[in-house]
Amino acid sequence: MRSAQATITIDRPSEEVFGYLLDIGSRTEFAPELFREFHLTRVESKGVGAGARYRLHRKLRDRRAGSSITEAVPGQRILEEGSTGRGGRVGLAAEFLLEEQPGGATKVTWILETYPLNPADRLREFGERRQIKRRMKRGARRLRDILESAPGAVRGDRPTVAGLDPSYVPNP
């Protein structure tokens, strides 16, 4: 796939958008078609070190993937790194770039890249870029709808932590 990108402008301040995206558990709310069987790798789902395991949904074949937040620059950038493919040998990077726009809006650029190392992995990714890009654009529109909705609006279900009781609350 190499690289797929989606860009959208959200009518919210960059700090609010950054806070929402810094929670890796929010990915299933705005991109459920892209992230299937999403499970957190630790109880705390916000900040650097928070990670998740999921299936990247494809038309012909599902692929397991995992990523964790490795860098977060407040109000500007969130970087996730991980792996996918057979045996986790294909590198994966997801990046959210935030730009403050006039009038208090924020331009969000979501970039998803993979780094296949051998010809077999490149062949498996053939044709995947267009499908992933389409799902990312839908997810970006859903992200805008979620963040611009009323504060008390009903959002999607939270993902579970692998092997943990869903009723557990870490810090009440």
C-alpha atoms as a PDB file:
ATOM      1  CA  MET A   1       0.000   0.000   0.000  1.00  0.00           C
ATOM      2  CA  ARG A   2       2.915   2.305   0.807  1.00  0.00           C
ATOM      3  CA  SER A   3       0.884   5.444   1.652  1.00  0.00           C
ATOM      4  CA  ALA A   4      -2.747   6.520   1.904  1.00  0.00           C
ATOM      5  CA  GLN A   5      -3.930   9.916   3.077  1.00  0.00           C
ATOM      6  CA  ALA A   6      -7.142  11.666   4.110  1.00  0.00           C
ATOM      7  CA  THR A   7      -7.507  15.373   4.943  1.00  0.00           C
ATOM      8  CA  ILE A   8     -10.429  17.181   6.548  1.00  0.00           C
ATOM      9  CA  THR A   9     -11.128  20.456   8.345  1.00  0.00           C
ATOM     10  CA  ILE A  10     -12.871  20.252  11.710  1.00  0.00           C
ATOM     11  CA  ASP A  11     -14.520  23.261  13.336  1.00  0.00           C
ATOM     12  CA  ARG A  12     -12.893  22.696  16.733  1.00  0.00           C
ATOM     13  CA  PRO A  13      -9.657  23.980  18.332  1.00  0.00           C
ATOM     14  CA  SER A  14      -6.554  21.865  17.768  1.00  0.00           C
ATOM     15  CA  GLU A  15      -6.216  21.076  21.509  1.00  0.00           C
ATOM     16  CA  GLU A  16      -9.649  19.429  21.534  1.00  0.00           C
ATOM     17  CA  VAL A  17      -8.941  17.431  18.356  1.00  0.00           C
ATOM     18  CA  PHE A  18      -5.505  16.449  19.695  1.00  0.00           C
ATOM     19  CA  GLY A  19      -7.022  15.270  22.993  1.00  0.00           C
ATOM     20  CA  TYR A  20      -9.539  13.088  21.180  1.00  0.00           C
ATOM     21  CA  LEU A  21      -6.968  11.553  18.810  1.00  0.00           C
ATOM     22  CA  LEU A  22      -4.468  10.963  21.630  1.00  0.00           C
ATOM     23  CA  ASP A  23      -6.865   8.297  22.932  1.00  0.00           C
ATOM     24  CA  ILE A  24      -6.087   5.250  20.768  1.00  0.00           C
ATOM     25  CA  GLY A  25      -9.402   3.725  21.837  1.00  0.00           C
ATOM     26  CA  SER A  26     -11.245   6.370  19.800  1.00  0.00           C
ATOM     27  CA  ARG A  27     -10.141   4.779  16.507  1.00  0.00           C
ATOM     28  CA  THR A  28     -13.116   2.403  16.414  1.00  0.00           C
ATOM     29  CA  GLU A  29     -15.548   5.291  16.855  1.00  0.00           C
ATOM     30  CA  PHE A  30     -14.545   7.099  13.685  1.00  0.00           C
ATOM     31  CA  ALA A  31     -13.102   4.272  11.548  1.00  0.00           C
ATOM     32  CA  PRO A  32     -14.939   1.025  12.392  1.00  0.00           C
ATOM     33  CA  GLU A  33     -14.666  -0.214   8.785  1.00  0.00           C
ATOM     34  CA  LEU A  34     -10.884   0.036   8.918  1.00  0.00           C
ATOM     35  CA  PHE A  35     -10.214  -1.329  12.421  1.00  0.00           C
ATOM     36  CA  ARG A  36     -11.967  -4.647  13.164  1.00  0.00           C
ATOM     37  CA  GLU A  37     -11.676  -6.749  16.337  1.00  0.00           C
ATOM     38  CA  PHE A  38     -10.002  -3.812  18.065  1.00  0.00           C
ATOM     39  CA  HIS A  39      -8.454  -4.552  21.503  1.00  0.00           C
ATOM     40  CA  LEU A  40      -6.335  -2.281  23.637  1.00  0.00           C
ATOM     41  CA  THR A  41      -2.970  -3.614  24.803  1.00  0.00           C
ATOM     42  CA  ARG A  42      -3.141  -1.844  28.183  1.00  0.00           C
ATOM     43  CA  VAL A  43      -5.773  -0.298  30.417  1.00  0.00           C
ATOM     44  CA  GLU A  44      -4.620   3.302  29.908  1.00  0.00           C
ATOM     45  CA  SER A  45      -5.548   4.145  26.324  1.00  0.00           C
ATOM     46  CA  LYS A  46      -4.255   7.736  26.200  1.00  0.00           C
ATOM     47  CA  GLY A  47      -0.808   9.092  25.540  1.00  0.00           C
ATOM     48  CA  VAL A  48       2.551   7.777  24.417  1.00  0.00           C
ATOM     49  CA  GLY A  49       2.783   4.016  24.880  1.00  0.00           C
ATOM     50  CA  ALA A  50      -0.926   3.308  24.458  1.00  0.00           C
ATOM     51  CA  GLY A  51      -1.423   0.560  21.901  1.00  0.00           C
ATOM     52  CA  ALA A  52      -3.941  -1.693  20.220  1.00  0.00           C
ATOM     53  CA  ARG A  53      -4.214  -4.898  18.194  1.00  0.00           C
ATOM     54  CA  TYR A  54      -6.756  -5.126  15.382  1.00  0.00           C
ATOM     55  CA  ARG A  55      -7.558  -6.470  11.942  1.00  0.00           C
ATOM     56  CA  LEU A  56      -7.011  -4.186   8.980  1.00  0.00           C
ATOM     57  CA  HIS A  57     -10.027  -5.131   6.917  1.00  0.00           C
ATOM     58  CA  ARG A  58      -9.448  -5.919   3.257  1.00  0.00           C
ATOM     59  CA  LYS A  59     -11.734  -7.172   0.565  1.00  0.00           C
ATOM     60  CA  LEU A  60      -9.890 -10.393  -0.219  1.00  0.00           C
ATOM     61  CA  ARG A  61      -7.979 -11.097   2.980  1.00  0.00           C
ATOM     62  CA  ASP A  62      -7.926  -9.724   6.524  1.00  0.00           C
ATOM     63  CA  ARG A  63      -4.602  -8.768   8.057  1.00  0.00           C
ATOM     64  CA  ARG A  64      -3.708  -8.592  11.721  1.00  0.00           C
ATOM     65  CA  ALA A  65      -1.955  -5.439  12.837  1.00  0.00           C
ATOM     66  CA  GLY A  66      -0.832  -3.722  15.973  1.00  0.00           C
ATOM     67  CA  SER A  67       0.367  -0.228  16.725  1.00  0.00           C
ATOM     68  CA  SER A  68       1.178   2.049  19.619  1.00  0.00           C
ATOM     69  CA  ILE A  69       1.537   5.790  19.998  1.00  0.00           C
ATOM     70  CA  THR A  70       5.257   6.588  19.918  1.00  0.00           C
ATOM     71  CA  GLU A  71       5.268  10.367  19.615  1.00  0.00           C
ATOM     72  CA  ALA A  72       2.827  13.123  20.514  1.00  0.00           C
ATOM     73  CA  VAL A  73       3.508  16.836  20.017  1.00  0.00           C
ATOM     74  CA  PRO A  74       0.592  18.723  21.637  1.00  0.00           C
ATOM     75  CA  GLY A  75      -1.651  20.395  19.086  1.00  0.00           C
ATOM     76  CA  GLN A  76       0.539  19.377  16.115  1.00  0.00           C
ATOM     77  CA  ARG A  77       1.243  15.691  15.579  1.00  0.00           C
ATOM     78  CA  ILE A  78       0.519  12.147  16.756  1.00  0.00           C
ATOM     79  CA  LEU A  79       2.610   9.261  15.433  1.00  0.00           C
ATOM     80  CA  GLU A  80       1.712   5.570  15.782  1.00  0.00           C
ATOM     81  CA  GLU A  81       4.106   2.813  14.792  1.00  0.00           C
ATOM     82  CA  GLY A  82       3.540  -0.910  14.567  1.00  0.00           C
ATOM     83  CA  SER A  83       3.511  -3.894  12.281  1.00  0.00           C
ATOM     84  CA  THR A  84       1.185  -5.948  10.144  1.00  0.00           C
ATOM     85  CA  GLY A  85       1.366  -8.786   7.657  1.00  0.00           C
ATOM     86  CA  ARG A  86       2.445 -12.357   8.093  1.00  0.00           C
ATOM     87  CA  GLY A  87       4.506 -12.644  11.246  1.00  0.00           C
ATOM     88  CA  GLY A  88       4.410  -8.875  11.712  1.00  0.00           C
ATOM     89  CA  ARG A  89       7.147  -8.328   9.166  1.00  0.00           C
ATOM     90  CA  VAL A  90       5.564  -5.340   7.398  1.00  0.00           C
ATOM     91  CA  GLY A  91       6.161  -2.025   9.156  1.00  0.00           C
ATOM     92  CA  LEU A  92       3.136   0.201   9.744  1.00  0.00           C
ATOM     93  CA  ALA A  93       2.976   3.915  10.582  1.00  0.00           C
ATOM     94  CA  ALA A  94      -0.042   6.129  11.121  1.00  0.00           C
ATOM     95  CA  GLU A  95       0.311   9.856  11.580  1.00  0.00           C
ATOM     96  CA  PHE A  96      -2.166  12.603  12.424  1.00  0.00           C
ATOM     97  CA  LEU A  97      -0.965  16.099  11.515  1.00  0.00           C
ATOM     98  CA  LEU A  98      -2.939  19.005  12.982  1.00  0.00           C
ATOM     99  CA  GLU A  99      -2.846  22.561  11.604  1.00  0.00           C
ATOM    100  CA  GLU A 100      -4.616  25.475  13.253  1.00  0.00           C
ATOM    101  CA  GLN A 101      -6.835  27.289  10.721  1.00  0.00           C
ATOM    102  CA  PRO A 102      -8.291  30.809  10.906  1.00  0.00           C
ATOM    103  CA  GLY A 103     -11.499  31.040  12.909  1.00  0.00           C
ATOM    104  CA  GLY A 104     -10.561  28.276  15.373  1.00  0.00           C
ATOM    105  CA  ALA A 105     -10.840  25.352  12.972  1.00  0.00           C
ATOM    106  CA  THR A 106      -8.268  22.547  12.677  1.00  0.00           C
ATOM    107  CA  LYS A 107      -7.064  20.857   9.509  1.00  0.00           C
ATOM    108  CA  VAL A 108      -6.391  17.156  10.169  1.00  0.00           C
ATOM    109  CA  THR A 109      -4.233  15.113   7.802  1.00  0.00           C
ATOM    110  CA  TRP A 110      -4.304  11.360   8.472  1.00  0.00           C
ATOM    111  CA  ILE A 111      -1.514   9.384   6.811  1.00  0.00           C
ATOM    112  CA  LEU A 112      -1.240   5.579   6.886  1.00  0.00           C
ATOM    113  CA  GLU A 113       1.912   3.954   5.497  1.00  0.00           C
ATOM    114  CA  THR A 114       3.222   0.411   5.255  1.00  0.00           C
ATOM    115  CA  TYR A 115       6.743  -0.720   4.503  1.00  0.00           C
ATOM    116  CA  PRO A 116       6.745  -4.161   2.827  1.00  0.00           C
ATOM    117  CA  LEU A 117      10.214  -5.687   2.734  1.00  0.00           C
ATOM    118  CA  ASN A 118       9.923  -8.466   0.180  1.00  0.00           C
ATOM    119  CA  PRO A 119       8.110  -8.994  -3.146  1.00  0.00           C
ATOM    120  CA  ALA A 120       5.539 -11.374  -1.647  1.00  0.00           C
ATOM    121  CA  ASP A 121       4.394  -8.734   0.842  1.00  0.00           C
ATOM    122  CA  ARG A 122       4.269  -6.069  -1.884  1.00  0.00           C
ATOM    123  CA  LEU A 123       2.125  -8.397  -3.993  1.00  0.00           C
ATOM    124  CA  ARG A 124      -0.309  -8.955  -1.094  1.00  0.00           C
ATOM    125  CA  GLU A 125      -0.733  -5.192  -0.808  1.00  0.00           C
ATOM    126  CA  PHE A 126      -1.486  -4.711  -4.495  1.00  0.00           C
ATOM    127  CA  GLY A 127      -4.741  -2.837  -4.881  1.00  0.00           C
ATOM    128  CA  GLU A 128      -5.140  -2.254  -1.164  1.00  0.00           C
ATOM    129  CA  ARG A 129      -4.228   1.440  -1.210  1.00  0.00           C
ATOM    130  CA  ARG A 130      -7.388   2.604  -2.983  1.00  0.00           C
ATOM    131  CA  GLN A 131      -9.679   0.658  -0.649  1.00  0.00           C
ATOM    132  CA  ILE A 132      -7.873   1.829   2.500  1.00  0.00           C
ATOM    133  CA  LYS A 133      -7.890   5.417   1.233  1.00  0.00           C
ATOM    134  CA  ARG A 134     -11.652   5.288   0.649  1.00  0.00           C
ATOM    135  CA  ARG A 135     -12.246   3.962   4.169  1.00  0.00           C
ATOM    136  CA  MET A 136      -9.915   6.580   5.637  1.00  0.00           C
ATOM    137  CA  LYS A 137     -11.898   9.366   3.935  1.00  0.00           C
ATOM    138  CA  ARG A 138     -15.141   7.988   5.388  1.00  0.00           C
ATOM    139  CA  GLY A 139     -13.447   7.759   8.775  1.00  0.00           C
ATOM    140  CA  ALA A 140     -12.223  11.357   8.533  1.00  0.00           C
ATOM    141  CA  ARG A 141     -15.771  12.563   7.786  1.00  0.00           C
ATOM    142  CA  ARG A 142     -17.053  10.534  10.742  1.00  0.00           C
ATOM    143  CA  LEU A 143     -14.304  12.074  12.931  1.00  0.00           C
ATOM    144  CA  ARG A 144     -15.522  15.549  11.953  1.00  0.00           C
ATOM    145  CA  ASP A 145     -19.136  14.602  12.705  1.00  0.00           C
ATOM    146  CA  ILE A 146     -18.187  13.225  16.141  1.00  0.00           C
ATOM    147  CA  LEU A 147     -16.118  16.235  17.183  1.00  0.00           C
ATOM    148  CA  GLU A 148     -18.579  18.815  15.855  1.00  0.00           C
ATOM    149  CA  SER A 149     -21.606  17.124  17.453  1.00  0.00           C
ATOM    150  CA  ALA A 150     -23.175  18.228  20.729  1.00  0.00           C
ATOM    151  CA  PRO A 151     -21.117  17.446  23.856  1.00  0.00           C
ATOM    152  CA  GLY A 152     -23.663  14.950  25.199  1.00  0.00           C
ATOM    153  CA  ALA A 153     -24.118  13.081  21.899  1.00  0.00           C
ATOM    154  CA  VAL A 154     -24.000   9.298  21.949  1.00  0.00           C
ATOM    155  CA  ARG A 155     -20.727   7.919  20.581  1.00  0.00           C
ATOM    156  CA  GLY A 156     -19.651   4.406  19.684  1.00  0.00           C
ATOM    157  CA  ASP A 157     -18.686   1.617  22.072  1.00  0.00           C
ATOM    158  CA  ARG A 158     -15.293   1.673  23.748  1.00  0.00           C
ATOM    159  CA  PRO A 159     -12.922  -1.157  22.835  1.00  0.00           C
ATOM    160  CA  THR A 160     -11.974  -3.727  25.437  1.00  0.00           C
ATOM    161  CA  VAL A 161      -8.575  -4.539  26.836  1.00  0.00           C
ATOM    162  CA  ALA A 162      -7.486  -7.992  25.678  1.00  0.00           C
ATOM    163  CA  GLY A 163      -8.271 -10.488  28.441  1.00  0.00           C
ATOM    164  CA  LEU A 164      -9.719  -7.933  30.894  1.00  0.00           C
ATOM    165  CA  ASP A 165     -13.231  -7.670  32.289  1.00  0.00           C
ATOM    166  CA  PRO A 166     -15.005  -4.833  30.369  1.00  0.00           C
ATOM    167  CA  SER A 167     -16.627  -3.531  33.564  1.00  0.00           C
ATOM    168  CA  TYR A 168     -13.227  -2.779  35.131  1.00  0.00           C
ATOM    169  CA  VAL A 169     -12.538   0.943  35.644  1.00  0.00           C
ATOM    170  CA  PRO A 170      -8.829   1.731  36.194  1.00  0.00           C
ATOM    171  CA  ASN A 171      -9.100   5.044  38.096  1.00  0.00           C
ATOM    172  CA  PRO A 172     -12.647   5.897  39.088  1.00  0.00           C
END
